[in-house]
Amino acid sequence: MFYVYVLKSKKDGRLYIGFTTDLKLRFQEHINGKVKSTNYRRPLELIYYEAYKDEKIARRRERQLKSGKAHIALKKRLTLRF
């Protein structure tokens, strides 16, 4: 499986959107400070993810969520949930 995921920083409230094939391992790497782009934003919580069978579709979705209308829609959706 291929995962697109969203982390929320408890420190500054900002979102991080990523892609992985092993969601549990990748989340642990974020938590343990092994990911440069989120190390300074810890602690983090996993607030959303989507699973795909096709890597190409998952990577396309990640790009969509990082910019444009899909990013705005995602932020609205997540703020309604939390």
N, C-alpha and C. Protein backbone atom coordinates (compact mmCIF):
# COMPACT_ATOMS: atom_id res chain seq x y z
N MET A 1 0.84 -1.19 0.00
CA MET A 1 0.00 0.00 0.00
C MET A 1 0.88 1.25 0.00
N PHE A 2 0.30 2.33 -0.48
CA PHE A 2 0.98 3.62 -0.51
C PHE A 2 0.10 4.62 0.24
N TYR A 3 0.71 5.38 1.09
CA TYR A 3 -0.04 6.26 1.97
C TYR A 3 0.33 7.72 1.76
N VAL A 4 -0.69 8.56 1.77
CA VAL A 4 -0.53 10.00 1.82
C VAL A 4 -1.05 10.39 3.20
N TYR A 5 -0.27 11.14 3.95
CA TYR A 5 -0.64 11.40 5.33
C TYR A 5 -0.46 12.87 5.69
N VAL A 6 -1.15 13.26 6.76
CA VAL A 6 -1.08 14.63 7.25
C VAL A 6 -0.74 14.60 8.73
N LEU A 7 0.30 15.33 9.09
CA LEU A 7 0.68 15.50 10.49
C LEU A 7 0.36 16.92 10.90
N LYS A 8 0.02 17.09 12.15
CA LYS A 8 -0.20 18.43 12.70
C LYS A 8 0.79 18.64 13.84
N SER A 9 1.45 19.79 13.79
CA SER A 9 2.40 20.14 14.83
C SER A 9 1.64 20.66 16.04
N LYS A 10 1.90 20.08 17.20
CA LYS A 10 1.31 20.59 18.44
C LYS A 10 2.03 21.84 18.90
N LYS A 11 3.18 22.09 18.32
CA LYS A 11 3.98 23.25 18.68
C LYS A 11 3.46 24.52 18.00
N ASP A 12 3.23 24.45 16.68
CA ASP A 12 2.82 25.65 15.95
C ASP A 12 1.50 25.49 15.20
N GLY A 13 0.89 24.30 15.25
CA GLY A 13 -0.40 24.08 14.62
C GLY A 13 -0.36 23.89 13.11
N ARG A 14 0.82 23.93 12.52
CA ARG A 14 0.95 23.80 11.07
C ARG A 14 0.84 22.34 10.64
N LEU A 15 0.49 22.15 9.36
CA LEU A 15 0.33 20.81 8.81
C LEU A 15 1.54 20.40 7.98
N TYR A 16 1.81 19.12 7.95
CA TYR A 16 2.84 18.54 7.10
C TYR A 16 2.18 17.42 6.31
N ILE A 17 2.35 17.41 5.00
CA ILE A 17 1.76 16.40 4.13
C ILE A 17 2.89 15.57 3.54
N GLY A 18 2.77 14.24 3.63
CA GLY A 18 3.83 13.37 3.14
C GLY A 18 3.30 12.12 2.47
N PHE A 19 4.24 11.32 1.97
CA PHE A 19 3.97 10.09 1.24
C PHE A 19 4.89 9.00 1.79
N THR A 20 4.38 7.78 1.91
CA THR A 20 5.21 6.67 2.37
C THR A 20 4.58 5.34 1.99
N THR A 21 5.40 4.29 2.07
CA THR A 21 4.88 2.94 1.89
C THR A 21 4.70 2.23 3.23
N ASP A 22 5.22 2.80 4.29
CA ASP A 22 5.11 2.22 5.63
C ASP A 22 4.73 3.33 6.61
N LEU A 23 3.44 3.50 6.82
CA LEU A 23 2.94 4.62 7.61
C LEU A 23 3.41 4.57 9.07
N LYS A 24 3.38 3.40 9.67
CA LYS A 24 3.81 3.29 11.07
C LYS A 24 5.28 3.67 11.24
N LEU A 25 6.13 3.13 10.38
CA LEU A 25 7.56 3.43 10.46
C LEU A 25 7.82 4.91 10.21
N ARG A 26 7.18 5.46 9.19
CA ARG A 26 7.41 6.87 8.85
C ARG A 26 6.95 7.79 9.98
N PHE A 27 5.82 7.48 10.60
CA PHE A 27 5.34 8.29 11.71
C PHE A 27 6.33 8.23 12.87
N GLN A 28 6.88 7.06 13.15
CA GLN A 28 7.89 6.92 14.21
C GLN A 28 9.13 7.76 13.88
N GLU A 29 9.52 7.79 12.62
CA GLU A 29 10.66 8.61 12.23
C GLU A 29 10.38 10.09 12.51
N HIS A 30 9.17 10.53 12.22
CA HIS A 30 8.79 11.91 12.52
C HIS A 30 8.82 12.16 14.02
N ILE A 31 8.24 11.27 14.78
CA ILE A 31 8.17 11.40 16.24
C ILE A 31 9.56 11.45 16.86
N ASN A 32 10.48 10.64 16.35
CA ASN A 32 11.82 10.55 16.91
C ASN A 32 12.78 11.61 16.39
N GLY A 33 12.28 12.53 15.55
CA GLY A 33 13.10 13.63 15.07
C GLY A 33 14.06 13.26 13.95
N LYS A 34 13.80 12.16 13.25
CA LYS A 34 14.69 11.72 12.18
C LYS A 34 14.36 12.33 10.82
N VAL A 35 13.29 13.13 10.77
CA VAL A 35 12.88 13.78 9.52
C VAL A 35 13.20 15.26 9.66
N LYS A 36 14.11 15.72 8.84
CA LYS A 36 14.63 17.09 8.94
C LYS A 36 13.52 18.15 8.86
N SER A 37 12.56 17.94 7.97
CA SER A 37 11.53 18.96 7.76
C SER A 37 10.52 19.09 8.90
N THR A 38 10.45 18.10 9.78
CA THR A 38 9.50 18.19 10.91
C THR A 38 10.18 18.14 12.27
N ASN A 39 11.47 17.96 12.30
CA ASN A 39 12.18 17.81 13.57
C ASN A 39 11.91 18.97 14.53
N TYR A 40 11.97 20.18 14.03
CA TYR A 40 11.80 21.36 14.89
C TYR A 40 10.34 21.66 15.20
N ARG A 41 9.42 20.92 14.62
CA ARG A 41 7.99 21.16 14.82
C ARG A 41 7.35 20.15 15.76
N ARG A 42 8.15 19.31 16.36
CA ARG A 42 7.62 18.30 17.28
C ARG A 42 7.11 18.96 18.56
N PRO A 43 6.13 18.34 19.21
CA PRO A 43 5.50 17.04 18.96
C PRO A 43 4.49 17.13 17.82
N LEU A 44 4.27 15.98 17.20
CA LEU A 44 3.38 15.87 16.05
C LEU A 44 2.31 14.83 16.31
N GLU A 45 1.17 15.02 15.63
CA GLU A 45 0.14 13.99 15.69
C GLU A 45 -0.32 13.67 14.27
N LEU A 46 -0.60 12.41 14.03
CA LEU A 46 -1.14 11.98 12.76
C LEU A 46 -2.63 12.26 12.78
N ILE A 47 -3.09 13.14 11.88
CA ILE A 47 -4.50 13.53 11.93
C ILE A 47 -5.30 13.02 10.73
N TYR A 48 -4.62 12.53 9.69
CA TYR A 48 -5.35 12.10 8.50
C TYR A 48 -4.43 11.27 7.60
N TYR A 49 -4.99 10.28 6.94
CA TYR A 49 -4.24 9.55 5.93
C TYR A 49 -5.19 8.92 4.91
N GLU A 50 -4.66 8.67 3.74
CA GLU A 50 -5.37 7.99 2.67
C GLU A 50 -4.47 6.85 2.19
N ALA A 51 -5.06 5.70 1.86
CA ALA A 51 -4.30 4.55 1.40
C ALA A 51 -4.64 4.26 -0.07
N TYR A 52 -3.62 3.92 -0.84
CA TYR A 52 -3.78 3.64 -2.26
C TYR A 52 -3.02 2.37 -2.63
N LYS A 53 -3.52 1.67 -3.64
CA LYS A 53 -2.83 0.50 -4.16
C LYS A 53 -1.82 0.89 -5.24
N ASP A 54 -2.03 2.04 -5.86
CA ASP A 54 -1.21 2.49 -6.98
C ASP A 54 -0.32 3.66 -6.55
N GLU A 55 0.98 3.51 -6.69
CA GLU A 55 1.93 4.55 -6.27
C GLU A 55 1.73 5.86 -7.04
N LYS A 56 1.51 5.75 -8.32
CA LYS A 56 1.35 6.94 -9.15
C LYS A 56 0.16 7.78 -8.69
N ILE A 57 -0.93 7.14 -8.36
CA ILE A 57 -2.12 7.85 -7.88
C ILE A 57 -1.85 8.49 -6.53
N ALA A 58 -1.16 7.77 -5.66
CA ALA A 58 -0.84 8.31 -4.33
C ALA A 58 0.06 9.53 -4.43
N ARG A 59 1.06 9.47 -5.27
CA ARG A 59 1.96 10.62 -5.43
C ARG A 59 1.25 11.82 -6.04
N ARG A 60 0.35 11.56 -6.96
CA ARG A 60 -0.44 12.64 -7.55
C ARG A 60 -1.33 13.29 -6.48
N ARG A 61 -1.91 12.46 -5.63
CA ARG A 61 -2.76 12.98 -4.55
C ARG A 61 -1.94 13.82 -3.56
N GLU A 62 -0.75 13.37 -3.25
CA GLU A 62 0.13 14.14 -2.36
C GLU A 62 0.38 15.53 -2.95
N ARG A 63 0.70 15.59 -4.22
CA ARG A 63 0.93 16.89 -4.87
C ARG A 63 -0.31 17.76 -4.83
N GLN A 64 -1.48 17.16 -5.05
CA GLN A 64 -2.73 17.91 -4.99
C GLN A 64 -2.95 18.51 -3.61
N LEU A 65 -2.71 17.70 -2.58
CA LEU A 65 -2.95 18.17 -1.21
C LEU A 65 -1.96 19.23 -0.77
N LYS A 66 -0.82 19.28 -1.40
CA LYS A 66 0.19 20.27 -1.01
C LYS A 66 -0.05 21.64 -1.63
N SER A 67 -0.96 21.74 -2.59
CA SER A 67 -1.18 23.04 -3.23
C SER A 67 -2.59 23.14 -3.79
N GLY A 68 -2.99 24.35 -4.08
CA GLY A 68 -4.23 24.60 -4.78
C GLY A 68 -5.50 24.33 -4.01
N LYS A 69 -6.55 24.06 -4.77
CA LYS A 69 -7.88 23.88 -4.19
C LYS A 69 -7.97 22.68 -3.26
N ALA A 70 -7.25 21.62 -3.59
CA ALA A 70 -7.29 20.43 -2.74
C ALA A 70 -6.69 20.72 -1.37
N HIS A 71 -5.66 21.55 -1.32
CA HIS A 71 -5.04 21.94 -0.06
C HIS A 71 -6.02 22.74 0.80
N ILE A 72 -6.70 23.68 0.18
CA ILE A 72 -7.69 24.50 0.89
C ILE A 72 -8.83 23.64 1.39
N ALA A 73 -9.32 22.74 0.55
CA ALA A 73 -10.41 21.85 0.95
C ALA A 73 -9.99 20.94 2.10
N LEU A 74 -8.76 20.44 2.05
CA LEU A 74 -8.25 19.59 3.12
C LEU A 74 -8.20 20.35 4.44
N LYS A 75 -7.68 21.57 4.41
CA LYS A 75 -7.59 22.36 5.64
C LYS A 75 -8.98 22.64 6.21
N LYS A 76 -9.95 22.94 5.36
CA LYS A 76 -11.31 23.17 5.84
C LYS A 76 -11.88 21.90 6.45
N ARG A 77 -11.65 20.80 5.77
CA ARG A 77 -12.16 19.51 6.26
C ARG A 77 -11.57 19.15 7.61
N LEU A 78 -10.28 19.36 7.76
CA LEU A 78 -9.61 19.00 9.01
C LEU A 78 -9.97 19.95 10.14
N THR A 79 -10.18 21.21 9.86
CA THR A 79 -10.53 22.13 10.94
C THR A 79 -11.94 21.87 11.44
N LEU A 80 -12.79 21.31 10.61
CA LEU A 80 -14.13 20.94 11.05
C LEU A 80 -14.09 19.73 11.97
N ARG A 81 -13.10 18.88 11.77
CA ARG A 81 -12.99 17.65 12.56
C ARG A 81 -12.31 17.87 13.89
N PHE A 82 -11.48 18.91 14.03
CA PHE A 82 -10.69 19.07 15.24
C PHE A 82 -10.99 20.38 15.93
